[in-house]
Protein backbone atom coordinates (compact mmCIF):
# COMPACT_ATOMS: atom_id res chain seq x y z
CA MET A 1 20.51 23.07 -18.75
CA PRO A 2 17.56 22.98 -21.31
CA VAL A 3 19.64 23.37 -24.18
CA TYR A 4 21.34 20.06 -23.61
CA GLU A 5 18.29 18.34 -23.31
CA LYS A 6 17.86 16.60 -27.24
CA GLN A 7 21.83 16.45 -26.95
CA ILE A 8 21.73 14.51 -24.00
CA ASP A 9 19.20 11.93 -25.79
CA LYS A 10 21.44 12.33 -29.08
CA VAL A 11 24.39 11.57 -27.35
CA LYS A 12 22.60 8.29 -25.63
CA LEU A 13 21.65 7.02 -29.20
CA THR A 14 24.45 4.85 -28.17
CA LYS A 15 21.63 2.96 -26.04
CA ALA A 16 19.36 2.79 -29.24
CA LEU A 17 21.91 1.20 -31.26
CA THR A 18 23.37 -1.00 -29.15
CA SER A 19 20.98 -4.44 -28.55
CA ASN A 20 23.20 -6.32 -30.62
CA THR A 21 22.86 -9.29 -32.72
CA HIS A 22 18.87 -10.12 -31.36
CA ILE A 23 18.18 -6.22 -33.32
CA LEU A 24 19.47 -7.99 -36.56
CA ASN A 25 17.58 -11.28 -35.56
CA LYS A 26 14.28 -9.30 -35.01
CA TRP A 27 14.50 -7.16 -38.34
CA ILE A 28 15.69 -10.48 -40.22
CA GLY A 29 12.15 -11.45 -40.30
CA ARG A 30 11.34 -7.89 -41.47
CA THR A 31 13.28 -7.94 -44.18
CA VAL A 32 11.74 -10.97 -45.97
CA MET A 33 8.69 -9.74 -45.50
CA VAL A 34 9.71 -6.35 -47.18
CA LEU A 35 10.90 -8.38 -50.08
CA LEU A 36 8.25 -10.52 -50.64
CA LEU A 37 6.44 -7.02 -50.91
CA LEU A 38 8.67 -6.05 -53.39
CA ILE A 39 8.29 -9.08 -55.42
CA THR A 40 4.63 -8.02 -56.17
CA LEU A 41 6.27 -4.30 -57.27
CA PRO A 42 7.74 -4.76 -60.75
CA CYS A 43 4.41 -4.51 -62.99
CA TRP A 44 3.41 -1.25 -61.16
CA ALA A 45 7.03 0.63 -60.34
CA ASP A 46 7.88 0.99 -64.08
CA GLU A 47 4.41 0.60 -66.22
CA GLY A 48 2.87 3.36 -68.18
CA ASP A 49 -0.66 3.08 -69.64
CA PHE A 50 -2.10 -0.08 -71.29
CA PRO A 51 -1.16 -1.74 -73.39
CA ALA A 52 2.26 -2.12 -72.76
CA TRP A 53 5.34 -4.15 -74.26
CA TYR A 54 6.96 -6.20 -71.26
CA ARG A 55 9.92 -8.84 -71.13
CA THR A 56 9.65 -12.13 -69.64
CA THR A 57 12.51 -12.79 -67.32
CA THR A 58 12.78 -16.37 -67.64
CA ALA A 59 10.71 -18.98 -69.07
CA LEU A 60 7.36 -18.15 -68.37
CA ASN A 61 3.97 -20.19 -68.72
CA VAL A 62 1.11 -18.70 -70.01
CA ARG A 63 -1.94 -20.06 -69.21
CA VAL A 64 -5.58 -19.65 -69.52
CA ALA A 65 -6.35 -18.17 -66.11
CA ASP A 66 -5.01 -15.78 -63.65
CA ASN A 67 -3.60 -18.76 -61.68
CA ALA A 68 -0.54 -21.09 -61.17
CA LYS A 69 -3.32 -24.20 -61.32
CA ALA A 70 -4.87 -23.27 -64.52
CA ARG A 71 -4.55 -25.24 -67.97
CA LYS A 72 -1.09 -24.13 -69.38
CA ILE A 73 -1.54 -23.37 -73.06
CA THR A 74 2.40 -22.57 -73.75
CA THR A 75 5.84 -21.91 -72.69
CA LEU A 76 7.30 -18.29 -73.67
CA LYS A 77 11.16 -18.07 -73.93
CA LYS A 78 13.20 -15.58 -71.83
CA ASN A 79 13.55 -12.08 -73.00
CA ALA A 80 10.50 -12.77 -75.25
CA GLU A 81 8.64 -9.43 -75.79
CA ILE A 82 4.90 -9.91 -74.95
CA LYS A 83 2.16 -7.11 -74.94
CA VAL A 84 -0.04 -6.69 -71.56
CA ASP A 85 -3.45 -5.59 -72.27
CA TYR A 86 -4.10 -5.29 -68.55
CA ILE A 87 -3.31 -6.44 -64.85
CA THR A 88 -5.58 -8.76 -62.87
CA ARG A 89 -6.56 -8.98 -59.24
CA ASN A 90 -4.30 -11.81 -58.99
CA ASN A 91 -1.50 -9.61 -59.79
CA TRP A 92 -1.13 -11.06 -63.60
CA ALA A 93 -0.91 -10.24 -66.55
CA ALA A 94 -3.51 -10.54 -69.63
CA ILE A 95 -2.04 -10.93 -73.19
CA GLN A 96 -3.16 -12.24 -76.46
CA TYR A 97 -2.30 -15.31 -77.19
CA GLY A 98 -3.48 -16.22 -81.02
CA GLN A 99 -7.06 -16.63 -80.70
CA GLN A 100 -7.41 -16.65 -77.05
CA ARG A 101 -6.79 -14.59 -73.87
CA GLY A 102 -3.98 -15.66 -72.31
CA TYR A 103 -2.65 -14.87 -68.54
CA VAL A 104 1.27 -14.65 -67.44
CA SER A 105 2.81 -14.28 -63.78
CA CYS A 106 3.63 -10.25 -63.28
CA LYS A 107 6.49 -12.03 -60.94
CA TYR A 108 8.69 -12.78 -64.14
CA ILE A 109 8.18 -10.00 -66.48
CA ARG A 110 9.61 -6.33 -66.65
CA TYR A 111 8.30 -3.35 -68.40
CA VAL A 112 9.65 -2.25 -71.90
CA ARG A 113 7.71 0.97 -73.11
CA ASP A 114 4.53 2.00 -73.75
CA ALA A 115 2.21 0.23 -76.68
CA GLN A 116 0.60 2.31 -79.49
CA LYS A 117 -3.57 1.99 -78.46
CA ALA A 118 -5.37 0.33 -81.49
CA THR A 119 -8.67 1.80 -82.18
CA SER A 120 -10.26 -1.21 -82.85
CA ASN A 121 -13.25 -2.48 -80.92
CA SER A 122 -11.03 -4.84 -79.10
CA ALA A 123 -8.67 -2.19 -77.66
CA SER A 124 -12.17 -0.19 -76.66
CA THR A 125 -12.77 -2.98 -74.66
CA HIS A 126 -9.54 -3.23 -73.02
CA ASN A 127 -9.51 0.59 -72.42
CA ASN A 128 -13.00 -0.09 -70.75
CA THR A 129 -11.16 -3.02 -68.81
CA LYS A 130 -8.45 -0.66 -67.75
CA LYS A 131 -10.97 1.80 -65.65
CA THR A 132 -11.66 -1.44 -63.54
CA TYR A 133 -9.83 -3.04 -61.33
CA GLY A 134 -7.75 -4.84 -63.98
CA GLY A 135 -6.02 -1.60 -65.10
CA TRP A 136 -5.72 0.68 -62.45
CA PRO A 137 -5.49 4.90 -62.93
CA ASN A 138 -2.24 6.40 -62.80
CA LEU A 139 -2.91 7.87 -59.72
CA TRP A 140 -3.75 4.99 -57.83
CA ASN A 141 -0.49 3.69 -58.91
CA ILE A 142 1.51 6.12 -57.73
CA ALA A 143 -0.22 6.38 -54.77
CA PHE A 144 0.20 2.43 -54.10
CA ASN A 145 4.12 2.56 -55.12
CA LEU A 146 4.71 5.78 -52.54
CA GLY A 147 3.28 3.68 -49.86
CA MET A 148 5.36 0.75 -50.59
CA TRP A 149 8.43 2.33 -50.50
CA THR A 150 8.04 4.47 -47.38
CA LEU A 151 7.41 0.84 -45.76
CA VAL A 152 10.75 -0.28 -47.43
CA ILE A 153 12.44 2.97 -46.10
CA VAL A 154 10.91 2.69 -42.86
CA PHE A 155 11.71 -1.09 -42.12
CA LEU A 156 15.65 -0.67 -44.32
CA ARG A 157 16.21 2.51 -41.75
CA LYS A 158 15.07 0.22 -38.78
CA ILE A 159 17.52 -2.69 -39.77
CA ALA A 160 20.45 0.35 -40.38
CA ILE A 161 19.94 1.26 -36.67
CA GLY A 162 20.41 -2.31 -35.61
CA LEU A 163 23.12 -2.70 -38.09
CA LEU A 164 24.86 0.57 -37.19
CA GLY A 165 24.59 -0.70 -33.13
CA ILE A 166 26.60 -3.88 -33.80
CA ILE A 167 29.22 -2.20 -36.34
CA SER A 168 29.68 -0.02 -33.39
CA VAL A 169 30.38 -2.23 -30.61
CA PHE A 170 32.07 -4.07 -33.00
CA MET A 171 34.59 -1.20 -34.32
CA TYR A 172 35.20 -0.26 -30.41
CA LYS A 173 36.52 -4.33 -29.59
CA VAL A 174 37.90 -4.89 -32.99
CA TYR A 175 39.49 -1.91 -33.31
CA TRP A 176 42.01 -1.78 -29.91
CA VAL A 177 43.34 -5.23 -31.59
CA VAL A 178 43.96 -3.99 -35.40
CA CYS A 179 45.54 -0.46 -33.79
CA ILE A 180 48.03 -2.30 -31.73
CA PRO A 181 51.04 -2.28 -34.28
CA PHE A 182 50.02 1.39 -34.68
CA TYR A 183 50.01 2.54 -31.14
CA VAL A 184 53.16 1.19 -30.71
CA MET A 185 54.72 3.07 -33.28
CA ASN A 186 52.76 6.36 -31.64
CA TRP A 187 54.99 5.06 -28.81
CA LEU A 188 57.95 4.78 -30.21
CA GLN A 189 57.58 8.47 -31.74
CA ARG A 190 56.95 10.00 -28.45
CA HIS A 191 59.87 7.75 -26.58
CA LEU A 192 62.39 8.37 -29.25
CA SER A 193 61.80 11.63 -29.79
CA LYS A 194 63.04 12.21 -26.15
CA PRO A 195 65.05 8.94 -25.31
CA TRP A 196 66.34 11.39 -21.81
CA ARG A 197 62.97 11.31 -20.65
CA ILE A 198 62.48 9.05 -17.67
CA LEU A 199 65.74 10.51 -16.11
CA TYR A 200 63.66 13.57 -14.98
CA LYS A 201 60.76 12.25 -13.32
CA THR A 202 61.49 14.26 -10.63
CA ASN A 203 63.52 17.75 -10.07
CA SER A 204 66.90 18.03 -8.47
CA GLY A 205 66.07 21.83 -7.91
CA ASN A 206 69.63 22.85 -9.39
CA ASP A 207 68.52 25.45 -11.49
CA ALA A 208 71.46 26.64 -13.32
CA GLY A 209 72.03 23.02 -14.37
CA ASN A 210 68.92 22.10 -15.67
CA LYS A 211 68.85 25.37 -17.73
CA ARG A 212 71.98 24.15 -19.37
CA LEU A 213 70.59 20.61 -19.96
CA ARG A 214 67.40 22.32 -21.47
CA ASN A 215 69.44 24.37 -23.77
CA ILE A 216 71.51 20.99 -24.36
CA TYR A 217 68.80 18.80 -25.23
CA GLU A 218 67.32 20.84 -27.97
CA TRP A 219 70.40 20.86 -30.00
CA ILE A 220 70.38 17.06 -29.45
CA LYS A 221 66.19 17.27 -30.86
CA ILE A 222 67.59 18.38 -34.09
CA PRO A 223 69.12 14.92 -35.54
CA ILE A 224 66.11 13.16 -33.58
CA TYR A 225 63.80 15.27 -35.13
CA VAL A 226 65.48 14.56 -38.81
CA ALA A 227 65.85 10.21 -38.13
CA LEU A 228 61.92 9.82 -36.91
CA THR A 229 60.91 11.69 -40.12
CA PRO A 230 59.33 8.37 -41.55
CA LEU A 231 57.95 7.35 -38.59
CA ARG A 232 55.60 10.48 -38.21
CA PHE A 233 54.70 9.74 -41.77
CA VAL A 234 53.71 6.51 -40.93
CA ASN A 235 51.57 7.52 -37.97
CA ALA A 236 50.01 10.72 -39.67
CA VAL A 237 48.86 8.79 -42.61
CA TYR A 238 47.15 5.85 -40.22
CA PHE A 239 45.59 8.21 -37.69
CA ASN A 240 44.77 10.93 -39.77
CA MET A 241 43.56 9.32 -42.91
CA VAL A 242 42.61 6.13 -41.70
CA VAL A 243 41.24 6.08 -38.24
CA HIS A 244 39.87 9.92 -38.48
CA CYS A 245 38.22 9.17 -42.05
CA CYS A 246 37.13 6.12 -41.01
CA PHE A 247 35.17 7.17 -37.67
CA GLU A 248 33.84 10.35 -38.90
CA MET A 249 32.15 9.04 -42.35
CA TYR A 250 30.77 6.32 -39.67
CA ASN A 251 28.76 9.70 -38.00
CA TYR A 252 27.88 10.75 -41.27
CA VAL A 253 26.45 7.66 -42.34
CA ILE A 254 24.23 7.68 -39.15
CA GLU A 255 22.74 10.82 -40.45
CA ILE A 256 21.58 9.88 -43.33
CA PHE A 257 19.50 7.22 -41.82
CA LEU A 258 18.38 8.53 -38.04
CA PRO A 259 18.77 12.43 -38.40
CA SER A 260 19.80 14.61 -35.51
CA ASN A 261 18.42 17.96 -36.72
CA GLU A 262 14.88 18.80 -36.56
CA LYS A 263 14.52 20.57 -40.19
CA GLU A 264 15.85 16.92 -41.61
CA GLY A 265 13.62 15.20 -40.00
CA GLU A 266 14.50 13.91 -36.49
CA ASP A 267 11.01 13.68 -35.28
CA ASN A 268 9.40 13.52 -38.92
CA LEU A 269 8.90 10.84 -40.76
CA LEU A 270 8.38 12.10 -43.49
CA LEU A 271 10.86 14.87 -43.87
CA MET A 272 13.05 12.17 -42.90
CA ILE A 273 12.29 10.13 -46.28
CA VAL A 274 12.40 13.37 -48.14
CA LEU A 275 15.37 14.83 -47.32
CA ILE A 276 17.14 11.34 -47.77
CA PRO A 277 18.88 12.82 -50.89
CA TRP A 278 19.64 16.21 -48.94
CA ARG A 279 21.34 14.51 -46.04
CA VAL A 280 23.61 12.01 -48.26
CA LEU A 281 24.93 15.70 -50.50
CA ARG A 282 25.62 17.39 -47.01
CA TYR A 283 27.81 14.70 -44.87
CA VAL A 284 28.46 12.12 -46.93
CA VAL A 285 29.55 14.08 -50.28
CA TRP A 286 30.10 17.14 -48.59
CA HIS A 287 31.49 17.28 -45.23
CA GLY A 288 33.01 13.93 -45.83
CA SER A 289 34.85 15.87 -48.79
CA LEU A 290 36.00 18.43 -46.67
CA THR A 291 37.07 15.73 -43.95
CA PHE A 292 39.42 13.59 -46.13
CA ILE A 293 40.95 16.92 -47.92
CA GLU A 294 41.45 18.56 -44.27
CA ALA A 295 42.93 14.93 -43.30
CA GLY A 296 45.55 14.66 -45.98
CA ILE A 297 46.35 18.55 -45.57
CA TRP A 298 47.06 17.54 -41.68
CA THR A 299 48.95 14.29 -42.91
CA ILE A 300 51.67 16.61 -44.56
CA VAL A 301 51.92 18.92 -41.66
CA ASP A 302 52.34 15.75 -38.57
CA THR A 303 55.30 14.76 -40.76
CA PHE A 304 56.99 18.09 -40.37
CA VAL A 305 55.50 19.33 -37.25
CA PRO A 306 55.24 16.51 -34.51
CA ALA A 307 52.22 15.39 -32.94
CA LEU A 308 51.08 12.23 -31.43
CA THR A 309 47.73 10.61 -30.37
CA LEU A 310 46.66 11.10 -27.03
CA PHE A 311 43.56 10.24 -24.85
CA HIS A 312 41.39 12.94 -22.76
CA GLY A 313 38.88 11.76 -20.21
CA THR A 314 35.64 13.28 -19.88
CA SER A 315 31.89 12.63 -19.25
CA GLU A 316 29.53 11.39 -22.25
CA VAL A 317 27.93 14.90 -22.83
CA ALA A 318 30.89 16.94 -22.67
CA SER A 319 32.70 14.95 -25.22
CA THR A 320 29.75 15.50 -27.42
CA THR A 321 29.83 19.36 -26.38
CA ILE A 322 33.80 19.11 -27.18
CA THR A 323 33.77 17.76 -30.52
CA HIS A 324 30.59 18.55 -32.51
CA ALA A 325 30.24 21.46 -34.92
CA GLY A 326 26.75 21.86 -34.22
CA ARG A 327 25.24 20.69 -37.46
CA SER A 328 22.26 19.29 -35.45
CA GLY A 329 20.69 22.52 -34.66
CA TYR A 330 21.74 22.62 -31.27
CA SER A 331 24.65 24.22 -30.44
CA ASN A 332 26.19 27.20 -27.83
CA TYR A 333 29.34 28.91 -27.14
CA LEU A 334 30.90 25.84 -25.83
CA SER A 335 30.41 23.64 -28.77
CA GLY A 336 33.43 22.91 -30.15
CA ILE A 337 35.70 24.24 -27.31
CA TRP A 338 38.16 22.68 -25.06
CA ASN A 339 37.52 24.28 -21.66
CA VAL A 340 39.68 24.32 -18.66
CA GLY A 341 38.49 21.47 -15.63
CA THR A 342 39.29 21.55 -11.99
CA GLY A 343 42.69 20.72 -10.52
CA ASN A 344 45.17 21.71 -13.13
CA TYR A 345 48.17 19.77 -10.48
CA ALA A 346 51.01 20.83 -13.39
CA GLY A 347 49.55 24.16 -14.53
CA ASN A 348 46.23 25.69 -15.62
CA GLY A 349 45.14 23.79 -19.18
CA ILE A 350 43.83 21.02 -21.06
CA TYR A 351 45.02 17.43 -19.79
CA PHE A 352 46.24 14.62 -22.04
CA ALA A 353 47.71 11.23 -21.19
CA PRO A 354 49.68 9.26 -23.76
CA ALA A 355 48.12 5.73 -21.71
CA ARG A 356 44.72 4.99 -22.31
CA SER A 357 44.75 3.92 -18.81
CA THR A 358 45.70 7.06 -17.23
CA SER A 359 42.83 8.81 -18.99
CA LEU A 360 40.41 6.42 -18.00
CA HIS A 361 40.99 7.78 -14.21
CA TYR A 362 40.01 11.19 -15.38
CA SER A 363 37.01 9.65 -17.08
CA SER A 364 33.25 9.62 -16.30
CA GLY A 365 32.09 7.67 -19.26
CA ALA A 366 33.30 9.19 -22.22
CA LEU A 367 37.44 8.94 -23.92
CA ILE A 368 38.32 11.42 -26.51
CA VAL A 369 41.37 10.13 -28.98
CA CYS A 370 43.40 13.13 -30.43
CA ARG A 371 46.02 14.15 -32.52
CA VAL A 372 48.10 16.84 -30.37
CA SER A 373 50.14 19.61 -31.82
CA LEU A 374 52.30 19.70 -28.33
CA GLY A 375 54.39 22.62 -29.61
CA LYS A 376 57.38 23.36 -27.83
CA VAL A 377 57.24 21.00 -24.43
CA LEU A 378 58.58 22.00 -20.99
CA ASP A 379 60.01 19.02 -19.12
CA LEU A 380 58.91 20.00 -15.87
CA GLY A 381 61.91 17.92 -13.95
CA LEU A 382 64.18 20.00 -16.08
CA ALA A 383 62.06 23.61 -15.15
CA PRO A 384 63.17 25.78 -12.37
CA TRP A 385 62.38 25.13 -9.00
CA HIS A 386 60.21 27.64 -8.16
CA VAL A 387 58.24 26.22 -11.22
CA TYR A 388 58.11 22.65 -10.17
CA ARG A 389 57.40 22.82 -6.76
CA GLN A 390 53.98 24.57 -7.68
CA CYS A 391 52.99 21.21 -9.21
CA GLY A 392 51.41 18.53 -7.43
CA TYR A 393 48.96 21.30 -5.72
CA ARG A 394 45.59 22.56 -7.07
CA ASP A 395 45.87 25.24 -9.64
CA ALA A 396 49.37 25.39 -10.47
CA LEU A 397 49.26 28.59 -12.10
CA GLY A 398 53.00 29.75 -11.84
CA ALA A 399 54.01 26.79 -14.09
CA THR A 400 51.51 28.07 -17.08
CA LYS A 401 52.61 31.61 -16.51
CA TRP A 402 56.54 30.84 -16.70
CA GLY A 403 55.67 28.31 -19.24
CA LEU A 404 53.71 30.73 -21.30
CA ASN A 405 56.20 33.52 -20.97
CA ASN A 406 59.43 31.62 -21.97
CA GLY A 407 57.85 30.43 -24.92
CA TYR A 408 56.39 26.93 -24.28
CA VAL A 409 53.06 25.53 -25.47
CA THR A 410 52.84 22.61 -22.89
CA GLY A 411 54.15 21.14 -19.96
CA GLU A 412 54.80 17.49 -19.22
CA TRP A 413 55.29 15.61 -16.19
CA TRP A 414 55.56 12.87 -13.95
CA ARG A 415 52.82 12.72 -11.56
CA LYS A 416 54.80 10.55 -8.82
CA ASP A 417 51.65 9.77 -6.37
CA ARG A 418 50.02 8.25 -9.76
CA GLY A 419 52.85 6.89 -11.32
CA TRP A 420 51.97 8.17 -14.88
CA TRP A 421 52.84 10.85 -17.64
CA GLU A 422 50.98 13.56 -18.31
CA TYR A 423 50.75 16.78 -20.43
CA CYS A 424 49.23 19.67 -19.64
CA MET A 425 48.70 22.41 -22.60
CA TYR A 426 48.51 25.47 -21.32
CA ASP A 427 46.07 28.30 -21.36
CA TRP A 428 46.12 31.12 -18.90
CA GLN A 429 42.63 32.79 -20.33
CA ASN A 430 40.29 29.68 -19.71
CA ARG A 431 41.23 28.72 -23.57
CA TYR A 432 43.45 26.70 -24.82
CA ASN A 433 46.59 27.68 -26.79
CA TYR A 434 45.63 27.46 -30.61
CA SER A 435 42.41 25.38 -31.62
CA TRP A 436 44.26 23.66 -34.52
CA ARG A 437 46.39 22.19 -31.89
CA ILE A 438 44.08 19.39 -30.82
CA ARG A 439 42.32 17.49 -33.45
CA PRO A 440 39.82 14.68 -31.78
CA LEU A 441 39.61 11.49 -33.85
CA TYR A 442 37.21 10.31 -32.38
CA VAL A 443 34.85 9.38 -29.15
CA LEU A 444 34.41 6.15 -27.32
CA ASN A 445 31.72 5.65 -24.85
CA LEU A 446 33.35 3.52 -21.54
CA ASN A 447 29.58 2.84 -19.99
CA GLU A 448 28.27 1.40 -23.35
CA GLN A 449 31.46 -0.22 -24.54
CA MET A 450 30.93 1.29 -27.88
CA LEU A 451 31.47 4.09 -30.53
CA GLN A 452 30.32 7.21 -29.48
CA ARG A 453 28.09 8.94 -31.92
CA ILE A 454 28.30 12.65 -32.67
CA PRO A 455 25.12 14.44 -33.81
CA GLY A 456 25.90 16.02 -37.11
CA GLY A 457 29.30 14.63 -37.23
CA MET A 458 32.67 16.33 -35.11
CA ALA A 459 33.84 19.92 -36.19
CA HIS A 460 36.16 20.40 -38.83
CA TRP A 461 40.19 20.26 -37.94
CA LEU A 462 40.77 22.88 -40.60
CA PHE A 463 37.69 24.38 -42.57
CA ARG A 464 36.00 25.97 -39.69
CA LYS A 465 36.37 29.93 -38.81
CA MET A 466 38.15 29.45 -35.37
CA VAL A 467 40.91 27.56 -36.76
CA ILE A 468 41.37 30.04 -39.44
CA CYS A 469 41.44 32.55 -37.45
CA ASP A 470 44.10 30.64 -34.89
CA ILE A 471 46.10 29.89 -38.08
CA PHE A 472 46.11 33.56 -39.41
CA MET A 473 47.15 34.85 -35.66
CA TYR A 474 49.68 32.36 -35.38
CA PHE A 475 51.57 33.07 -38.32
CA LYS A 476 51.22 36.72 -37.52
CA GLU A 477 52.71 36.65 -33.91
CA ALA A 478 55.80 34.09 -35.82
CA LEU A 479 56.43 37.41 -38.16
CA LYS A 480 56.72 39.40 -35.49
CA SER A 481 58.95 37.70 -33.17
């Protein structure tokens, strides 16, 4: 669809970010050049009208001419204040030393303040000199400085893009090693909360016995829930506060150097430079603060309302559409919404897997890692036989209908033809349960083997109209029941 053309380009920013180490090497040379240019700025960047007072930054030779080979008159001490009358073409500062004219290199002096202009003939002579190249008019200085800093920003932007690409690949590869202990704890939380799961991979067909078991296990879950509270808290802190906030800040930082919104300088260099402070305030400060606040709130919620870190396989474009907030200027009614796909072998809904390998089977280029509040889960191995026998066939709508009618939010089943567990968050009207139940942590681009950028950042977990309305509706329905 046309609305996605630029969005697809933004998803493929990953290709622009991933030239790996050779990008960095390419720009190191340019960085050196920029730094050399910056060396010539000290005398121009801060100066006012001449004459002006400057301070030496090191022991500095005074010479009879404006070059390093000229005869030395004397050596000034570090932090000595000197009165500069004008700047020469060779970027040397002209000073009066005793009864003779002397020159010092601008590389080693810093502007302090303007000097009172003398009214003598000598001052008049210097002011006349200032009208020549030696004392450029302020307008020329301003234009020069703007041009120099524009070049600096352009080069730094290129360097930042290369570095962000390297960081993205680094985060992708290193994260899976660093996070192993926490994924083990997530695995423990899932298995310890229902240790009998493995016994009911298939349904016995005994409806009366299954109903009795469902009731018994609901009571057994209570002491297990209490015992697992510390584990839920640790998992919530790590995945919400550390993982989500770090990866989301990565999206916000990219927006500073590589805006995805046309109105913020996506294709306009001047606008990109001018709006850097605005993007810092909007993304890093404002949305970054909201991200940390809502992550803290959900950490508390997840401690008491069980949530798991699960995987969802999809495409690059779909992963961006599902997770992004529309801040890039390109959005439609599907933005930030999870929609039911095809298949639905365990009911109509949104599917998640506890194992990364399972989601890779369904992925066509991207993997969304989420915190999911599953709610009341129906073990299909203990479900009524007429419900269970629909599973394994396309569009098992009967499983969804029975589950929702009996207070279940999610169905869990063992797909015996594939040998893996799956969760189906039930969806009856092409919209999954409540928006706050699924909270994306980050997106992995499997084709490029790196973290996938979400233009403008992901949709907020809490500070979002749809989420607030869903929370209000949830409590409203809870009070009615």
